[in-house]
Amino acid sequence: MTRFLDKVRTLRVDDHRYYHQSRINQTLHLVSAISFLVAYALLFIDPAAAGLTGWLVGMVTRQSGHIFWEPRGFDTVHGVSYEYKESIKAGYNMRRKGILIMVWLSIPLLLRVRPDLFGLVDAAPDFAGYVHQVGLFWLALGAAGLLLRTAHLSLLRGPSWGLAWAVKVLTDPVHNIDIYWKSPLALLRGERLDPMQDVLPPQRMA
């Protein structure tokens, strides 16, 4: 169990130091984390609303922070290139995220063109029903994205790394709130980039 938790910790540290240097990105992750906790609660009340909240608030804020605010050039703090960081990324690097985002955006369009999804579902009777179906499909997409990457990572680096990544992703909302709750204050002080004084020395996956 200790070795497994070490893997989760390594994934968290590498994710933080390599992909969350921007205080704006950290602040957006704080908003995202809170919205994902709301989505987790909605899973037991209204799964479709959980899917809509997770994607429209949680994922939009999270990924916009990465796309628009995170530095993409040479990482002088850790002495590595952006290409290196992308190559060792355990989860969804920018290329994989691009594919996932395209699938996400295609779902509501496809349901508008083919409301019955080629006979797989009953066509929604009204706009509220359409939104409900979109939410459910987005929820299914999130679950599929988690399971597929977990399985893929398990094949590439071993089942323990795949499971560690899944645990890391599912617990990210709580962890992000814990480490980024001060980021808005740092941003208000004019600190655009985190000096990363709290991170461990560079680590590589075994």
C-alpha atoms as a PDB file:
ATOM      1  CA  MET A   1       0.000   0.000   0.000  1.00  0.00           C
ATOM      2  CA  THR A   2       2.881   2.376   0.778  1.00  0.00           C
ATOM      3  CA  ARG A   3       4.407   1.815  -2.666  1.00  0.00           C
ATOM      4  CA  PHE A   4       1.018   2.379  -4.302  1.00  0.00           C
ATOM      5  CA  LEU A   5       0.513   5.660  -2.434  1.00  0.00           C
ATOM      6  CA  ASP A   6       4.036   6.678  -3.458  1.00  0.00           C
ATOM      7  CA  LYS A   7       2.988   6.214  -7.094  1.00  0.00           C
ATOM      8  CA  VAL A   8      -0.077   8.403  -6.571  1.00  0.00           C
ATOM      9  CA  ARG A   9       2.108  11.018  -4.859  1.00  0.00           C
ATOM     10  CA  THR A  10       4.638  10.941  -7.720  1.00  0.00           C
ATOM     11  CA  LEU A  11       1.881  11.493 -10.279  1.00  0.00           C
ATOM     12  CA  ARG A  12       0.514  14.398  -8.271  1.00  0.00           C
ATOM     13  CA  VAL A  13       3.896  16.059  -7.826  1.00  0.00           C
ATOM     14  CA  ASP A  14       4.826  15.728 -11.498  1.00  0.00           C
ATOM     15  CA  ASP A  15       1.414  17.002 -12.592  1.00  0.00           C
ATOM     16  CA  HIS A  16       1.660  20.012 -10.273  1.00  0.00           C
ATOM     17  CA  ARG A  17       5.211  21.061 -11.053  1.00  0.00           C
ATOM     18  CA  TYR A  18       5.097  20.446 -14.804  1.00  0.00           C
ATOM     19  CA  TYR A  19       1.544  21.542 -15.695  1.00  0.00           C
ATOM     20  CA  HIS A  20       0.345  23.971 -13.032  1.00  0.00           C
ATOM     21  CA  GLN A  21       2.911  26.746 -12.833  1.00  0.00           C
ATOM     22  CA  SER A  22       0.509  29.535 -13.835  1.00  0.00           C
ATOM     23  CA  ARG A  23      -1.365  31.082 -10.911  1.00  0.00           C
ATOM     24  CA  ILE A  24      -4.291  31.717 -13.279  1.00  0.00           C
ATOM     25  CA  ASN A  25      -4.340  28.035 -14.185  1.00  0.00           C
ATOM     26  CA  GLN A  26      -4.194  27.106 -10.510  1.00  0.00           C
ATOM     27  CA  THR A  27      -7.085  29.439  -9.725  1.00  0.00           C
ATOM     28  CA  LEU A  28      -9.153  27.965 -12.544  1.00  0.00           C
ATOM     29  CA  HIS A  29      -8.343  24.517 -11.173  1.00  0.00           C
ATOM     30  CA  LEU A  30      -9.688  25.628  -7.811  1.00  0.00           C
ATOM     31  CA  VAL A  31     -12.985  26.586  -9.465  1.00  0.00           C
ATOM     32  CA  SER A  32     -12.923  23.325 -11.402  1.00  0.00           C
ATOM     33  CA  ALA A  33     -12.287  21.269  -8.270  1.00  0.00           C
ATOM     34  CA  ILE A  34     -15.258  22.806  -6.452  1.00  0.00           C
ATOM     35  CA  SER A  35     -17.521  22.178  -9.444  1.00  0.00           C
ATOM     36  CA  PHE A  36     -16.394  18.542  -9.642  1.00  0.00           C
ATOM     37  CA  LEU A  37     -17.277  18.014  -5.998  1.00  0.00           C
ATOM     38  CA  VAL A  38     -20.727  19.378  -6.828  1.00  0.00           C
ATOM     39  CA  ALA A  39     -20.866  16.976  -9.786  1.00  0.00           C
ATOM     40  CA  TYR A  40     -19.903  14.064  -7.521  1.00  0.00           C
ATOM     41  CA  ALA A  41     -22.831  14.916  -5.246  1.00  0.00           C
ATOM     42  CA  LEU A  42     -25.186  15.240  -8.234  1.00  0.00           C
ATOM     43  CA  LEU A  43     -24.317  11.705  -9.342  1.00  0.00           C
ATOM     44  CA  PHE A  44     -26.636  10.439  -6.615  1.00  0.00           C
ATOM     45  CA  ILE A  45     -29.394  12.943  -7.415  1.00  0.00           C
ATOM     46  CA  ASP A  46     -29.323  13.748 -11.143  1.00  0.00           C
ATOM     47  CA  PRO A  47     -26.611  12.005 -13.215  1.00  0.00           C
ATOM     48  CA  ALA A  48     -27.355  14.138 -16.275  1.00  0.00           C
ATOM     49  CA  ALA A  49     -26.839  17.329 -14.238  1.00  0.00           C
ATOM     50  CA  ALA A  50     -23.591  15.818 -12.953  1.00  0.00           C
ATOM     51  CA  GLY A  51     -22.389  15.320 -16.530  1.00  0.00           C
ATOM     52  CA  LEU A  52     -23.343  18.868 -17.514  1.00  0.00           C
ATOM     53  CA  THR A  53     -21.683  20.381 -14.444  1.00  0.00           C
ATOM     54  CA  GLY A  54     -18.534  18.301 -14.807  1.00  0.00           C
ATOM     55  CA  TRP A  55     -18.003  19.199 -18.444  1.00  0.00           C
ATOM     56  CA  LEU A  56     -19.406  22.717 -18.799  1.00  0.00           C
ATOM     57  CA  VAL A  57     -17.873  24.061 -15.584  1.00  0.00           C
ATOM     58  CA  GLY A  58     -15.250  21.594 -14.368  1.00  0.00           C
ATOM     59  CA  MET A  59     -13.609  20.677 -17.652  1.00  0.00           C
ATOM     60  CA  VAL A  60     -13.999  24.061 -19.366  1.00  0.00           C
ATOM     61  CA  THR A  61     -12.271  25.925 -16.528  1.00  0.00           C
ATOM     62  CA  ARG A  62      -9.637  23.228 -16.087  1.00  0.00           C
ATOM     63  CA  GLN A  63      -8.673  22.855 -19.724  1.00  0.00           C
ATOM     64  CA  SER A  64      -8.854  26.566 -20.545  1.00  0.00           C
ATOM     65  CA  GLY A  65      -6.260  27.092 -17.829  1.00  0.00           C
ATOM     66  CA  HIS A  66      -3.940  24.631 -19.539  1.00  0.00           C
ATOM     67  CA  ILE A  67      -4.621  25.842 -23.070  1.00  0.00           C
ATOM     68  CA  PHE A  68      -4.501  29.618 -22.580  1.00  0.00           C
ATOM     69  CA  TRP A  69      -2.404  30.283 -19.476  1.00  0.00           C
ATOM     70  CA  GLU A  70       0.107  27.529 -18.861  1.00  0.00           C
ATOM     71  CA  PRO A  71       3.637  28.180 -20.244  1.00  0.00           C
ATOM     72  CA  ARG A  72       4.470  26.042 -23.270  1.00  0.00           C
ATOM     73  CA  GLY A  73       8.153  26.817 -23.792  1.00  0.00           C
ATOM     74  CA  PHE A  74      11.284  25.494 -22.112  1.00  0.00           C
ATOM     75  CA  ASP A  75      10.712  24.927 -18.395  1.00  0.00           C
ATOM     76  CA  THR A  76      13.574  26.836 -16.760  1.00  0.00           C
ATOM     77  CA  VAL A  77      12.390  25.881 -13.273  1.00  0.00           C
ATOM     78  CA  HIS A  78      12.958  22.180 -13.887  1.00  0.00           C
ATOM     79  CA  GLY A  79      15.348  22.342 -16.831  1.00  0.00           C
ATOM     80  CA  VAL A  80      13.197  20.332 -19.257  1.00  0.00           C
ATOM     81  CA  SER A  81      11.512  21.029 -22.575  1.00  0.00           C
ATOM     82  CA  TYR A  82       7.777  21.134 -23.126  1.00  0.00           C
ATOM     83  CA  GLU A  83       8.140  18.181 -25.493  1.00  0.00           C
ATOM     84  CA  TYR A  84       9.768  16.160 -22.722  1.00  0.00           C
ATOM     85  CA  LYS A  85       6.900  16.902 -20.357  1.00  0.00           C
ATOM     86  CA  GLU A  86       4.362  15.861 -22.972  1.00  0.00           C
ATOM     87  CA  SER A  87       6.225  12.610 -23.650  1.00  0.00           C
ATOM     88  CA  ILE A  88       6.166  11.456 -20.005  1.00  0.00           C
ATOM     89  CA  LYS A  89       2.656  12.712 -19.234  1.00  0.00           C
ATOM     90  CA  ALA A  90       0.822   9.861 -17.526  1.00  0.00           C
ATOM     91  CA  GLY A  91      -2.668  11.099 -18.249  1.00  0.00           C
ATOM     92  CA  TYR A  92      -4.047  13.069 -21.166  1.00  0.00           C
ATOM     93  CA  ASN A  93      -1.386  15.194 -22.828  1.00  0.00           C
ATOM     94  CA  MET A  94      -2.473  18.026 -25.125  1.00  0.00           C
ATOM     95  CA  ARG A  95      -2.822  15.765 -28.164  1.00  0.00           C
ATOM     96  CA  ARG A  96      -5.023  13.300 -26.299  1.00  0.00           C
ATOM     97  CA  LYS A  97      -6.991  16.154 -24.743  1.00  0.00           C
ATOM     98  CA  GLY A  98      -7.619  17.570 -28.202  1.00  0.00           C
ATOM     99  CA  ILE A  99      -9.177  14.280 -29.313  1.00  0.00           C
ATOM    100  CA  LEU A 100     -11.276  14.075 -26.146  1.00  0.00           C
ATOM    101  CA  ILE A 101     -12.516  17.650 -26.580  1.00  0.00           C
ATOM    102  CA  MET A 102     -13.496  16.971 -30.204  1.00  0.00           C
ATOM    103  CA  VAL A 103     -15.554  13.949 -29.108  1.00  0.00           C
ATOM    104  CA  TRP A 104     -17.132  16.037 -26.321  1.00  0.00           C
ATOM    105  CA  LEU A 105     -18.164  18.802 -28.741  1.00  0.00           C
ATOM    106  CA  SER A 106     -19.426  16.312 -31.328  1.00  0.00           C
ATOM    107  CA  ILE A 107     -21.956  14.691 -28.969  1.00  0.00           C
ATOM    108  CA  PRO A 108     -24.495  17.575 -28.796  1.00  0.00           C
ATOM    109  CA  LEU A 109     -24.103  18.184 -32.530  1.00  0.00           C
ATOM    110  CA  LEU A 110     -24.687  14.526 -33.320  1.00  0.00           C
ATOM    111  CA  LEU A 111     -27.782  14.404 -31.102  1.00  0.00           C
ATOM    112  CA  ARG A 112     -29.186  17.441 -32.940  1.00  0.00           C
ATOM    113  CA  VAL A 113     -28.623  15.891 -36.349  1.00  0.00           C
ATOM    114  CA  ARG A 114     -29.677  12.384 -35.328  1.00  0.00           C
ATOM    115  CA  PRO A 115     -31.832  12.646 -32.179  1.00  0.00           C
ATOM    116  CA  ASP A 116     -32.232   8.861 -32.032  1.00  0.00           C
ATOM    117  CA  LEU A 117     -28.472   8.334 -32.467  1.00  0.00           C
ATOM    118  CA  PHE A 118     -29.039   5.942 -35.369  1.00  0.00           C
ATOM    119  CA  GLY A 119     -31.664   3.988 -33.442  1.00  0.00           C
ATOM    120  CA  LEU A 120     -29.600   3.513 -30.277  1.00  0.00           C
ATOM    121  CA  VAL A 121     -31.752   5.809 -28.092  1.00  0.00           C
ATOM    122  CA  ASP A 122     -35.230   7.284 -28.111  1.00  0.00           C
ATOM    123  CA  ALA A 123     -35.323  10.765 -29.574  1.00  0.00           C
ATOM    124  CA  ALA A 124     -35.791  13.471 -26.954  1.00  0.00           C
ATOM    125  CA  PRO A 125     -39.327  14.918 -27.050  1.00  0.00           C
ATOM    126  CA  ASP A 126     -38.247  18.487 -26.282  1.00  0.00           C
ATOM    127  CA  PHE A 127     -35.222  20.695 -25.588  1.00  0.00           C
ATOM    128  CA  ALA A 128     -35.129  19.749 -21.906  1.00  0.00           C
ATOM    129  CA  GLY A 129     -34.979  16.107 -22.915  1.00  0.00           C
ATOM    130  CA  TYR A 130     -32.210  16.875 -25.390  1.00  0.00           C
ATOM    131  CA  VAL A 131     -30.137  18.605 -22.686  1.00  0.00           C
ATOM    132  CA  HIS A 132     -30.764  15.645 -20.369  1.00  0.00           C
ATOM    133  CA  GLN A 133     -29.481  13.223 -23.010  1.00  0.00           C
ATOM    134  CA  VAL A 134     -26.399  15.368 -23.655  1.00  0.00           C
ATOM    135  CA  GLY A 135     -25.621  15.338 -19.945  1.00  0.00           C
ATOM    136  CA  LEU A 136     -25.894  11.561 -19.756  1.00  0.00           C
ATOM    137  CA  PHE A 137     -23.699  11.063 -22.813  1.00  0.00           C
ATOM    138  CA  TRP A 138     -21.114  13.499 -21.449  1.00  0.00           C
ATOM    139  CA  LEU A 139     -21.121  11.583 -18.170  1.00  0.00           C
ATOM    140  CA  ALA A 140     -20.578   8.349 -20.088  1.00  0.00           C
ATOM    141  CA  LEU A 141     -17.749   9.988 -22.052  1.00  0.00           C
ATOM    142  CA  GLY A 142     -16.021  11.022 -18.821  1.00  0.00           C
ATOM    143  CA  ALA A 143     -16.297   7.494 -17.435  1.00  0.00           C
ATOM    144  CA  ALA A 144     -15.072   5.991 -20.706  1.00  0.00           C
ATOM    145  CA  GLY A 145     -12.128   8.403 -20.850  1.00  0.00           C
ATOM    146  CA  LEU A 146     -11.107   7.427 -17.330  1.00  0.00           C
ATOM    147  CA  LEU A 147     -11.438   3.684 -17.919  1.00  0.00           C
ATOM    148  CA  LEU A 148      -9.727   3.648 -21.326  1.00  0.00           C
ATOM    149  CA  ARG A 149      -6.711   5.665 -20.197  1.00  0.00           C
ATOM    150  CA  THR A 150      -6.451   3.554 -17.042  1.00  0.00           C
ATOM    151  CA  ALA A 151      -6.414   0.386 -19.145  1.00  0.00           C
ATOM    152  CA  HIS A 152      -3.949   1.889 -21.647  1.00  0.00           C
ATOM    153  CA  LEU A 153      -1.603   3.079 -18.915  1.00  0.00           C
ATOM    154  CA  SER A 154      -1.845  -0.339 -17.251  1.00  0.00           C
ATOM    155  CA  LEU A 155      -0.675  -1.971 -20.473  1.00  0.00           C
ATOM    156  CA  LEU A 156       2.143   0.540 -20.983  1.00  0.00           C
ATOM    157  CA  ARG A 157       3.508   0.837 -17.441  1.00  0.00           C
ATOM    158  CA  GLY A 158       1.789  -1.827 -15.370  1.00  0.00           C
ATOM    159  CA  PRO A 159      -1.578  -2.173 -13.599  1.00  0.00           C
ATOM    160  CA  SER A 160      -0.377  -0.418 -10.453  1.00  0.00           C
ATOM    161  CA  TRP A 161       0.439   2.760 -12.416  1.00  0.00           C
ATOM    162  CA  GLY A 162      -2.926   2.619 -14.199  1.00  0.00           C
ATOM    163  CA  LEU A 163      -4.815   2.261 -10.933  1.00  0.00           C
ATOM    164  CA  ALA A 164      -2.675   4.955  -9.280  1.00  0.00           C
ATOM    165  CA  TRP A 165      -3.524   7.379 -12.081  1.00  0.00           C
ATOM    166  CA  ALA A 166      -7.253   6.594 -11.764  1.00  0.00           C
ATOM    167  CA  VAL A 167      -7.133   7.217  -8.003  1.00  0.00           C
ATOM    168  CA  LYS A 168      -5.184  10.428  -8.581  1.00  0.00           C
ATOM    169  CA  VAL A 169      -7.745  11.718 -11.103  1.00  0.00           C
ATOM    170  CA  LEU A 170     -10.781  10.842  -8.985  1.00  0.00           C
ATOM    171  CA  THR A 171      -9.307  12.505  -5.903  1.00  0.00           C
ATOM    172  CA  ASP A 172      -7.913  15.533  -7.772  1.00  0.00           C
ATOM    173  CA  PRO A 173     -10.803  17.820  -6.727  1.00  0.00           C
ATOM    174  CA  VAL A 174      -9.999  17.435  -3.031  1.00  0.00           C
ATOM    175  CA  HIS A 175      -6.250  17.632  -3.630  1.00  0.00           C
ATOM    176  CA  ASN A 176      -6.549  20.682  -5.898  1.00  0.00           C
ATOM    177  CA  ILE A 177      -8.548  22.572  -3.295  1.00  0.00           C
ATOM    178  CA  ASP A 178      -5.929  21.681  -0.693  1.00  0.00           C
ATOM    179  CA  ILE A 179      -2.959  22.989  -2.690  1.00  0.00           C
ATOM    180  CA  TYR A 180      -4.541  25.788  -4.764  1.00  0.00           C
ATOM    181  CA  TRP A 181      -6.836  27.578  -2.328  1.00  0.00           C
ATOM    182  CA  LYS A 182      -4.198  30.283  -1.842  1.00  0.00           C
ATOM    183  CA  SER A 183      -3.595  30.758  -5.578  1.00  0.00           C
ATOM    184  CA  PRO A 184      -6.194  33.538  -6.046  1.00  0.00           C
ATOM    185  CA  LEU A 185      -4.492  35.508  -3.264  1.00  0.00           C
ATOM    186  CA  ALA A 186      -1.082  35.040  -4.891  1.00  0.00           C
ATOM    187  CA  LEU A 187      -2.567  36.171  -8.193  1.00  0.00           C
ATOM    188  CA  LEU A 188      -3.981  39.304  -6.566  1.00  0.00           C
ATOM    189  CA  ARG A 189      -0.477  40.063  -5.270  1.00  0.00           C
ATOM    190  CA  GLY A 190       0.721  40.064  -8.877  1.00  0.00           C
ATOM    191  CA  GLU A 191       2.403  36.642  -8.852  1.00  0.00           C
ATOM    192  CA  ARG A 192       1.731  35.188 -12.292  1.00  0.00           C
ATOM    193  CA  LEU A 193       3.870  32.054 -11.907  1.00  0.00           C
ATOM    194  CA  ASP A 194       4.282  29.749  -8.927  1.00  0.00           C
ATOM    195  CA  PRO A 195       7.976  29.649  -7.870  1.00  0.00           C
ATOM    196  CA  MET A 196       7.470  25.920  -7.170  1.00  0.00           C
ATOM    197  CA  GLN A 197       9.467  25.983  -3.958  1.00  0.00           C
ATOM    198  CA  ASP A 198       7.267  23.272  -2.459  1.00  0.00           C
ATOM    199  CA  VAL A 199       7.881  20.539  -5.033  1.00  0.00           C
ATOM    200  CA  LEU A 200      10.140  17.543  -4.670  1.00  0.00           C
ATOM    201  CA  PRO A 201      13.232  16.971  -6.830  1.00  0.00           C
ATOM    202  CA  PRO A 202      12.452  15.716 -10.360  1.00  0.00           C
ATOM    203  CA  GLN A 203      11.072  12.179 -10.437  1.00  0.00           C
ATOM    204  CA  ARG A 204      10.628   9.694 -13.219  1.00  0.00           C
ATOM    205  CA  MET A 205       8.216   6.816 -13.368  1.00  0.00           C
ATOM    206  CA  ALA A 206       9.697   3.407 -12.727  1.00  0.00           C
END
